[in-house]
């Protein structure tokens, strides 16, 4: 059992050392935070649109 966990941990560490994976994860986290915070901010501060009436 311990050997399997050690092998999984070692293969995971080799996988996470790849630069592309780390950059993708950082990009994904920043994008998710940006979208989530923007959604929450827009939901709380939604103002009714300005309606301009024309006199014809």
N, C-alpha and C. Protein backbone atom coordinates (compact mmCIF):
# COMPACT_ATOMS: atom_id res chain seq x y z
N UNK A 1 0.83 -1.19 0.00
CA UNK A 1 0.00 0.00 0.00
C UNK A 1 0.87 1.25 0.00
N UNK A 2 1.89 1.24 0.81
CA UNK A 2 2.78 2.40 0.91
C UNK A 2 3.53 2.62 -0.39
N UNK A 3 3.88 1.51 -1.06
CA UNK A 3 4.59 1.63 -2.34
C UNK A 3 3.72 2.28 -3.40
N UNK A 4 2.45 1.94 -3.39
CA UNK A 4 1.53 2.52 -4.37
C UNK A 4 1.38 4.02 -4.14
N UNK A 5 1.24 4.42 -2.89
CA UNK A 5 1.11 5.84 -2.58
C UNK A 5 2.37 6.60 -2.94
N UNK A 6 3.52 6.01 -2.69
CA UNK A 6 4.78 6.65 -3.04
C UNK A 6 4.92 6.79 -4.55
N UNK A 7 4.50 5.76 -5.28
CA UNK A 7 4.58 5.82 -6.74
C UNK A 7 3.63 6.88 -7.29
N UNK A 8 2.44 6.97 -6.74
CA UNK A 8 1.48 7.97 -7.18
C UNK A 8 2.00 9.37 -6.87
N UNK A 9 2.55 9.54 -5.68
CA UNK A 9 3.09 10.84 -5.29
C UNK A 9 4.25 11.24 -6.19
N UNK A 10 5.12 10.30 -6.51
CA UNK A 10 6.26 10.60 -7.37
C UNK A 10 5.82 10.97 -8.78
N UNK A 11 4.87 10.22 -9.33
CA UNK A 11 4.39 10.53 -10.68
C UNK A 11 3.65 11.85 -10.71
N UNK A 12 2.95 12.17 -9.64
CA UNK A 12 2.25 13.45 -9.56
C UNK A 12 3.24 14.61 -9.49
N UNK A 13 4.30 14.45 -8.75
CA UNK A 13 5.32 15.50 -8.65
C UNK A 13 6.02 15.72 -9.99
N UNK A 14 6.28 14.65 -10.73
CA UNK A 14 6.88 14.79 -12.05
C UNK A 14 5.93 15.52 -12.99
N UNK A 15 4.64 15.20 -12.89
CA UNK A 15 3.64 15.84 -13.74
C UNK A 15 3.51 17.33 -13.42
N UNK A 16 3.54 17.68 -12.14
CA UNK A 16 3.37 19.08 -11.75
C UNK A 16 4.62 19.92 -12.01
N UNK A 17 5.74 19.30 -12.27
CA UNK A 17 6.95 20.06 -12.58
C UNK A 17 6.94 20.60 -14.00
N UNK A 18 6.02 20.14 -14.80
CA UNK A 18 5.95 20.64 -16.17
C UNK A 18 5.43 22.07 -16.16
N UNK A 19 6.11 22.92 -16.86
CA UNK A 19 5.82 24.34 -16.85
C UNK A 19 4.44 24.65 -17.45
N UNK A 20 4.05 23.93 -18.47
CA UNK A 20 2.77 24.21 -19.13
C UNK A 20 1.59 23.95 -18.20
N UNK A 21 1.69 22.91 -17.41
CA UNK A 21 0.60 22.57 -16.49
C UNK A 21 0.45 23.66 -15.44
N UNK A 22 1.56 24.10 -14.91
CA UNK A 22 1.53 25.13 -13.87
C UNK A 22 0.98 26.44 -14.43
N UNK A 23 1.43 26.82 -15.62
CA UNK A 23 0.92 28.04 -16.23
C UNK A 23 -0.57 27.95 -16.52
N UNK A 24 -1.02 26.79 -16.97
CA UNK A 24 -2.44 26.61 -17.23
C UNK A 24 -3.25 26.72 -15.94
N UNK A 25 -2.77 26.12 -14.87
CA UNK A 25 -3.49 26.19 -13.60
C UNK A 25 -3.56 27.62 -13.08
N UNK A 26 -2.46 28.36 -13.19
CA UNK A 26 -2.46 29.77 -12.76
C UNK A 26 -3.44 30.57 -13.59
N UNK A 27 -3.42 30.37 -14.90
CA UNK A 27 -4.34 31.08 -15.79
C UNK A 27 -5.79 30.73 -15.45
N UNK A 28 -6.07 29.46 -15.20
CA UNK A 28 -7.42 29.03 -14.88
C UNK A 28 -7.92 29.64 -13.58
N UNK A 29 -7.08 29.67 -12.56
CA UNK A 29 -7.47 30.23 -11.27
C UNK A 29 -7.73 31.73 -11.38
N UNK A 30 -6.85 32.45 -12.07
CA UNK A 30 -7.04 33.90 -12.23
C UNK A 30 -8.29 34.20 -13.04
N UNK A 31 -8.52 33.44 -14.10
CA UNK A 31 -9.72 33.65 -14.91
C UNK A 31 -10.99 33.36 -14.12
N UNK A 32 -10.98 32.30 -13.36
CA UNK A 32 -12.15 31.95 -12.56
C UNK A 32 -12.44 33.01 -11.50
N UNK A 33 -11.42 33.48 -10.83
CA UNK A 33 -11.61 34.54 -9.83
C UNK A 33 -12.13 35.82 -10.48
N UNK A 34 -11.59 36.16 -11.62
CA UNK A 34 -12.02 37.37 -12.32
C UNK A 34 -13.49 37.27 -12.71
N UNK A 35 -13.88 36.15 -13.27
CA UNK A 35 -15.27 35.97 -13.68
C UNK A 35 -16.20 35.97 -12.47
N UNK A 36 -15.83 35.26 -11.43
CA UNK A 36 -16.67 35.17 -10.24
C UNK A 36 -16.84 36.51 -9.55
N UNK A 37 -15.76 37.25 -9.38
CA UNK A 37 -15.87 38.56 -8.73
C UNK A 37 -16.65 39.54 -9.59
N UNK A 38 -16.46 39.50 -10.89
CA UNK A 38 -17.23 40.36 -11.79
C UNK A 38 -18.71 40.05 -11.74
N UNK A 39 -19.04 38.78 -11.68
CA UNK A 39 -20.44 38.36 -11.60
C UNK A 39 -21.07 38.85 -10.30
N UNK A 40 -20.37 38.67 -9.19
CA UNK A 40 -20.90 39.11 -7.90
C UNK A 40 -21.04 40.63 -7.84
N UNK A 41 -20.08 41.35 -8.36
CA UNK A 41 -20.12 42.81 -8.35
C UNK A 41 -21.27 43.32 -9.20
N UNK A 42 -21.45 42.76 -10.38
CA UNK A 42 -22.50 43.21 -11.29
C UNK A 42 -23.89 42.86 -10.73
N UNK A 43 -23.99 41.77 -10.03
CA UNK A 43 -25.28 41.36 -9.48
C UNK A 43 -25.73 42.32 -8.38
N UNK A 44 -24.80 42.79 -7.58
CA UNK A 44 -25.14 43.68 -6.47
C UNK A 44 -25.39 45.12 -6.92
N UNK A 45 -24.70 45.56 -7.94
CA UNK A 45 -24.77 46.96 -8.35
C UNK A 45 -25.44 47.14 -9.70
N UNK A 46 -26.46 46.37 -9.96
CA UNK A 46 -27.19 46.48 -11.21
C UNK A 46 -28.14 47.67 -11.13
N UNK A 47 -27.92 48.66 -11.95
CA UNK A 47 -28.74 49.88 -11.95
C UNK A 47 -29.67 49.83 -13.16
N UNK A 48 -30.88 50.33 -13.00
CA UNK A 48 -31.84 50.35 -14.10
C UNK A 48 -31.29 51.21 -15.24
N UNK A 49 -31.55 50.81 -16.46
CA UNK A 49 -31.04 51.58 -17.60
C UNK A 49 -31.73 52.93 -17.72
N UNK A 50 -31.03 53.87 -18.33
CA UNK A 50 -31.58 55.21 -18.56
C UNK A 50 -32.42 55.16 -19.85
N UNK A 51 -33.65 55.60 -19.75
CA UNK A 51 -34.54 55.60 -20.91
C UNK A 51 -34.71 57.04 -21.38
N UNK A 52 -34.37 57.28 -22.65
CA UNK A 52 -34.49 58.63 -23.22
C UNK A 52 -35.74 58.65 -24.10
N UNK A 53 -36.63 59.59 -23.78
CA UNK A 53 -37.87 59.73 -24.53
C UNK A 53 -37.69 60.79 -25.61
N UNK A 54 -38.19 60.50 -26.77
CA UNK A 54 -38.10 61.46 -27.88
C UNK A 54 -39.47 62.13 -28.05
N UNK A 55 -39.47 63.44 -28.24
CA UNK A 55 -40.70 64.17 -28.53
C UNK A 55 -40.78 64.37 -30.05
N UNK A 56 -41.70 63.68 -30.68
CA UNK A 56 -41.83 63.80 -32.12
C UNK A 56 -42.97 64.70 -32.51
